[in-house]
Amino acid sequence: MAGEELGFWGAGGLVLLLGFVIVRALWVALRTGDPFARLVAVGVACWLAFQTFQNVGMNLGLMPVTGLPLPYVSYGGSSMFACWLAVGLLAIAQLDPIRR
């Protein structure tokens, strides 16, 4: 739907923004000193990357249709809540252990 409304450049920009969130999650994983926070950050990055890859692949006809939503874009309150909760976990993971 985003590609239909925004065109090629808008859909490409949306994929780039999702890629930025994934790269930022991996950056948090590299910068943190806590092993558990590192695992959480890598888990969130893999989760968002898989959802993005699966949804884009479904819409291009390269992957089977599973009904997995595109993070932060597809309709659904529980998916949106879970994605924002994951970003909140990343924000907590990047804090210094002294400030927690």
N, C-alpha and C. Protein backbone atom coordinates (compact mmCIF):
# COMPACT_ATOMS: atom_id res chain seq x y z
N MET A 1 0.82 -1.18 0.00
CA MET A 1 0.00 0.00 0.00
C MET A 1 0.87 1.26 0.00
N ALA A 2 1.98 1.21 0.74
CA ALA A 2 2.86 2.39 0.78
C ALA A 2 3.47 2.64 -0.59
N GLY A 3 3.82 1.56 -1.31
CA GLY A 3 4.36 1.72 -2.65
C GLY A 3 3.33 2.27 -3.61
N GLU A 4 2.08 1.92 -3.40
CA GLU A 4 1.01 2.41 -4.25
C GLU A 4 0.76 3.90 -4.02
N GLU A 5 0.81 4.31 -2.76
CA GLU A 5 0.52 5.70 -2.42
C GLU A 5 1.73 6.62 -2.62
N LEU A 6 2.92 6.12 -2.27
CA LEU A 6 4.12 6.97 -2.29
C LEU A 6 4.97 6.82 -3.53
N GLY A 7 4.73 5.79 -4.31
CA GLY A 7 5.51 5.56 -5.51
C GLY A 7 6.83 4.85 -5.19
N PHE A 8 7.66 4.74 -6.20
CA PHE A 8 8.93 4.00 -6.07
C PHE A 8 9.84 4.67 -5.06
N TRP A 9 9.99 5.98 -5.15
CA TRP A 9 10.92 6.68 -4.26
C TRP A 9 10.43 6.69 -2.82
N GLY A 10 9.15 6.81 -2.63
CA GLY A 10 8.60 6.76 -1.27
C GLY A 10 8.76 5.40 -0.63
N ALA A 11 8.51 4.34 -1.41
CA ALA A 11 8.68 2.98 -0.88
C ALA A 11 10.15 2.69 -0.61
N GLY A 12 11.02 3.17 -1.49
CA GLY A 12 12.45 3.00 -1.26
C GLY A 12 12.92 3.76 -0.03
N GLY A 13 12.39 4.96 0.17
CA GLY A 13 12.72 5.72 1.37
C GLY A 13 12.23 5.04 2.63
N LEU A 14 11.06 4.42 2.56
CA LEU A 14 10.53 3.69 3.70
C LEU A 14 11.42 2.51 4.06
N VAL A 15 11.87 1.78 3.05
CA VAL A 15 12.78 0.66 3.29
C VAL A 15 14.12 1.16 3.84
N LEU A 16 14.58 2.31 3.37
CA LEU A 16 15.82 2.88 3.91
C LEU A 16 15.65 3.29 5.37
N LEU A 17 14.51 3.85 5.73
CA LEU A 17 14.27 4.21 7.12
C LEU A 17 14.24 2.98 8.03
N LEU A 18 13.61 1.91 7.56
CA LEU A 18 13.61 0.67 8.34
C LEU A 18 15.02 0.10 8.44
N GLY A 19 15.79 0.22 7.36
CA GLY A 19 17.19 -0.21 7.40
C GLY A 19 18.00 0.60 8.39
N PHE A 20 17.70 1.90 8.49
CA PHE A 20 18.40 2.74 9.46
C PHE A 20 18.11 2.30 10.89
N VAL A 21 16.86 1.94 11.18
CA VAL A 21 16.50 1.47 12.52
C VAL A 21 17.24 0.17 12.83
N ILE A 22 17.36 -0.71 11.85
CA ILE A 22 18.05 -1.98 12.05
C ILE A 22 19.54 -1.75 12.28
N VAL A 23 20.15 -0.89 11.48
CA VAL A 23 21.58 -0.58 11.65
C VAL A 23 21.81 0.10 12.99
N ARG A 24 20.91 0.96 13.40
CA ARG A 24 21.05 1.63 14.70
C ARG A 24 20.96 0.62 15.85
N ALA A 25 20.09 -0.37 15.71
CA ALA A 25 20.00 -1.41 16.74
C ALA A 25 21.31 -2.20 16.82
N LEU A 26 21.91 -2.48 15.69
CA LEU A 26 23.20 -3.18 15.69
C LEU A 26 24.30 -2.29 16.26
N TRP A 27 24.20 -0.98 16.03
CA TRP A 27 25.16 -0.03 16.60
C TRP A 27 25.06 -0.02 18.13
N VAL A 28 23.84 -0.07 18.63
CA VAL A 28 23.65 -0.14 20.08
C VAL A 28 24.26 -1.43 20.62
N ALA A 29 24.11 -2.52 19.89
CA ALA A 29 24.68 -3.80 20.32
C ALA A 29 26.21 -3.74 20.38
N LEU A 30 26.81 -3.03 19.45
CA LEU A 30 28.27 -2.92 19.45
C LEU A 30 28.78 -2.02 20.57
N ARG A 31 28.02 -1.00 20.92
CA ARG A 31 28.48 -0.01 21.89
C ARG A 31 28.23 -0.37 23.34
N THR A 32 27.32 -1.29 23.61
CA THR A 32 26.99 -1.61 24.99
C THR A 32 28.00 -2.58 25.58
N GLY A 33 28.20 -2.50 26.87
CA GLY A 33 29.13 -3.38 27.54
C GLY A 33 28.46 -4.56 28.23
N ASP A 34 27.15 -4.46 28.41
CA ASP A 34 26.39 -5.50 29.08
C ASP A 34 26.05 -6.62 28.10
N PRO A 35 26.42 -7.87 28.39
CA PRO A 35 26.13 -8.97 27.45
C PRO A 35 24.64 -9.18 27.21
N PHE A 36 23.82 -9.03 28.26
CA PHE A 36 22.39 -9.21 28.06
C PHE A 36 21.80 -8.12 27.18
N ALA A 37 22.22 -6.88 27.39
CA ALA A 37 21.75 -5.78 26.55
C ALA A 37 22.18 -5.98 25.10
N ARG A 38 23.38 -6.53 24.91
CA ARG A 38 23.86 -6.82 23.55
C ARG A 38 22.96 -7.86 22.87
N LEU A 39 22.60 -8.90 23.61
CA LEU A 39 21.72 -9.93 23.05
C LEU A 39 20.34 -9.37 22.73
N VAL A 40 19.83 -8.50 23.59
CA VAL A 40 18.52 -7.88 23.33
C VAL A 40 18.58 -7.02 22.08
N ALA A 41 19.63 -6.23 21.93
CA ALA A 41 19.75 -5.35 20.77
C ALA A 41 19.88 -6.14 19.47
N VAL A 42 20.69 -7.20 19.49
CA VAL A 42 20.83 -8.03 18.29
C VAL A 42 19.52 -8.75 17.99
N GLY A 43 18.82 -9.20 19.03
CA GLY A 43 17.52 -9.85 18.83
C GLY A 43 16.50 -8.92 18.21
N VAL A 44 16.45 -7.69 18.68
CA VAL A 44 15.52 -6.70 18.12
C VAL A 44 15.88 -6.41 16.67
N ALA A 45 17.18 -6.26 16.38
CA ALA A 45 17.61 -5.99 15.00
C ALA A 45 17.24 -7.15 14.08
N CYS A 46 17.47 -8.38 14.52
CA CYS A 46 17.12 -9.55 13.69
C CYS A 46 15.61 -9.67 13.50
N TRP A 47 14.87 -9.37 14.54
CA TRP A 47 13.41 -9.43 14.46
C TRP A 47 12.88 -8.43 13.43
N LEU A 48 13.33 -7.20 13.53
CA LEU A 48 12.87 -6.18 12.59
C LEU A 48 13.35 -6.47 11.17
N ALA A 49 14.58 -6.95 11.04
CA ALA A 49 15.11 -7.28 9.70
C ALA A 49 14.32 -8.42 9.06
N PHE A 50 14.01 -9.45 9.85
CA PHE A 50 13.25 -10.57 9.29
C PHE A 50 11.85 -10.14 8.89
N GLN A 51 11.19 -9.34 9.74
CA GLN A 51 9.85 -8.88 9.39
C GLN A 51 9.87 -8.03 8.13
N THR A 52 10.86 -7.15 8.02
CA THR A 52 10.96 -6.30 6.84
C THR A 52 11.23 -7.14 5.59
N PHE A 53 12.19 -8.06 5.69
CA PHE A 53 12.53 -8.91 4.54
C PHE A 53 11.33 -9.75 4.12
N GLN A 54 10.64 -10.34 5.08
CA GLN A 54 9.50 -11.20 4.77
C GLN A 54 8.37 -10.41 4.13
N ASN A 55 8.07 -9.23 4.67
CA ASN A 55 6.96 -8.45 4.14
C ASN A 55 7.27 -7.92 2.74
N VAL A 56 8.46 -7.41 2.54
CA VAL A 56 8.83 -6.92 1.21
C VAL A 56 8.86 -8.08 0.21
N GLY A 57 9.39 -9.21 0.64
CA GLY A 57 9.41 -10.39 -0.23
C GLY A 57 8.02 -10.88 -0.59
N MET A 58 7.09 -10.81 0.37
CA MET A 58 5.70 -11.20 0.10
C MET A 58 5.09 -10.29 -0.96
N ASN A 59 5.32 -8.99 -0.82
CA ASN A 59 4.71 -8.05 -1.75
C ASN A 59 5.33 -8.10 -3.13
N LEU A 60 6.57 -8.54 -3.21
CA LEU A 60 7.21 -8.69 -4.52
C LEU A 60 6.94 -10.05 -5.15
N GLY A 61 6.32 -10.95 -4.40
CA GLY A 61 6.02 -12.28 -4.91
C GLY A 61 7.19 -13.24 -4.81
N LEU A 62 8.20 -12.92 -4.01
CA LEU A 62 9.38 -13.77 -3.86
C LEU A 62 9.28 -14.71 -2.67
N MET A 63 8.45 -14.37 -1.70
CA MET A 63 8.30 -15.17 -0.48
C MET A 63 6.84 -15.58 -0.35
N PRO A 64 6.57 -16.65 0.40
CA PRO A 64 5.16 -17.04 0.60
C PRO A 64 4.43 -16.03 1.47
N VAL A 65 3.14 -15.92 1.23
CA VAL A 65 2.31 -14.96 1.97
C VAL A 65 2.03 -15.54 3.36
N THR A 66 2.49 -14.83 4.39
CA THR A 66 2.32 -15.30 5.76
C THR A 66 1.50 -14.34 6.60
N GLY A 67 1.29 -13.13 6.17
CA GLY A 67 0.52 -12.16 6.94
C GLY A 67 1.35 -11.41 7.96
N LEU A 68 2.66 -11.48 7.86
CA LEU A 68 3.55 -10.76 8.77
C LEU A 68 3.53 -9.28 8.42
N PRO A 69 3.30 -8.41 9.39
CA PRO A 69 3.19 -6.98 9.07
C PRO A 69 4.55 -6.32 8.88
N LEU A 70 4.55 -5.23 8.14
CA LEU A 70 5.75 -4.42 7.99
C LEU A 70 5.89 -3.55 9.24
N PRO A 71 7.06 -3.58 9.90
CA PRO A 71 7.19 -2.84 11.16
C PRO A 71 6.91 -1.35 10.99
N TYR A 72 6.14 -0.80 11.90
CA TYR A 72 5.78 0.62 12.00
C TYR A 72 4.89 1.12 10.87
N VAL A 73 4.48 0.26 9.95
CA VAL A 73 3.71 0.72 8.80
C VAL A 73 2.37 0.00 8.72
N SER A 74 2.38 -1.32 8.80
CA SER A 74 1.16 -2.08 8.59
C SER A 74 0.16 -1.86 9.71
N TYR A 75 -1.09 -2.02 9.38
CA TYR A 75 -2.18 -1.79 10.33
C TYR A 75 -2.18 -2.89 11.38
N GLY A 76 -2.35 -2.52 12.60
CA GLY A 76 -2.44 -3.49 13.69
C GLY A 76 -1.88 -2.88 14.96
N GLY A 77 -2.69 -2.78 15.96
CA GLY A 77 -2.26 -2.14 17.19
C GLY A 77 -1.23 -2.94 17.96
N SER A 78 -1.38 -4.26 18.00
CA SER A 78 -0.44 -5.07 18.78
C SER A 78 0.93 -5.10 18.12
N SER A 79 1.00 -5.12 16.80
CA SER A 79 2.29 -5.09 16.11
C SER A 79 2.99 -3.76 16.33
N MET A 80 2.25 -2.69 16.23
CA MET A 80 2.83 -1.36 16.45
C MET A 80 3.33 -1.22 17.88
N PHE A 81 2.53 -1.70 18.84
CA PHE A 81 2.93 -1.64 20.24
C PHE A 81 4.21 -2.45 20.49
N ALA A 82 4.30 -3.64 19.90
CA ALA A 82 5.48 -4.47 20.09
C ALA A 82 6.72 -3.84 19.45
N CYS A 83 6.56 -3.20 18.31
CA CYS A 83 7.70 -2.54 17.67
C CYS A 83 8.19 -1.35 18.49
N TRP A 84 7.28 -0.56 19.02
CA TRP A 84 7.69 0.58 19.85
C TRP A 84 8.28 0.11 21.18
N LEU A 85 7.78 -1.00 21.70
CA LEU A 85 8.36 -1.58 22.91
C LEU A 85 9.80 -2.03 22.64
N ALA A 86 10.04 -2.59 21.46
CA ALA A 86 11.40 -3.00 21.09
C ALA A 86 12.34 -1.80 20.99
N VAL A 87 11.85 -0.68 20.46
CA VAL A 87 12.68 0.53 20.39
C VAL A 87 12.95 1.05 21.81
N GLY A 88 11.99 0.93 22.70
CA GLY A 88 12.21 1.31 24.09
C GLY A 88 13.27 0.44 24.75
N LEU A 89 13.28 -0.84 24.44
CA LEU A 89 14.33 -1.73 24.96
C LEU A 89 15.70 -1.32 24.43
N LEU A 90 15.75 -0.90 23.17
CA LEU A 90 17.02 -0.43 22.62
C LEU A 90 17.48 0.84 23.31
N ALA A 91 16.55 1.72 23.64
CA ALA A 91 16.93 2.95 24.33
C ALA A 91 17.47 2.65 25.71
N ILE A 92 16.89 1.68 26.40
CA ILE A 92 17.38 1.29 27.71
C ILE A 92 18.73 0.59 27.58
N ALA A 93 18.91 -0.22 26.53
CA ALA A 93 20.15 -0.97 26.35
C ALA A 93 21.34 -0.05 26.07
N GLN A 94 21.11 1.10 25.51
CA GLN A 94 22.24 1.98 25.19
C GLN A 94 22.65 2.85 26.36
N LEU A 95 21.91 2.84 27.46
CA LEU A 95 22.29 3.60 28.64
C LEU A 95 23.49 2.95 29.31
N ASP A 96 24.28 3.76 29.97
CA ASP A 96 25.39 3.22 30.75
C ASP A 96 24.86 2.46 31.96
N PRO A 97 25.56 1.41 32.40
CA PRO A 97 25.08 0.67 33.56
C PRO A 97 25.00 1.53 34.82
N ILE A 98 25.78 2.59 34.91
CA ILE A 98 25.76 3.46 36.08
C ILE A 98 24.45 4.24 36.15
N ARG A 99 23.92 4.65 34.99
CA ARG A 99 22.70 5.46 34.96
C ARG A 99 21.45 4.62 35.14
N ARG A 100 21.54 3.29 34.96
CA ARG A 100 20.35 2.45 35.12
C ARG A 100 20.13 2.29 36.56
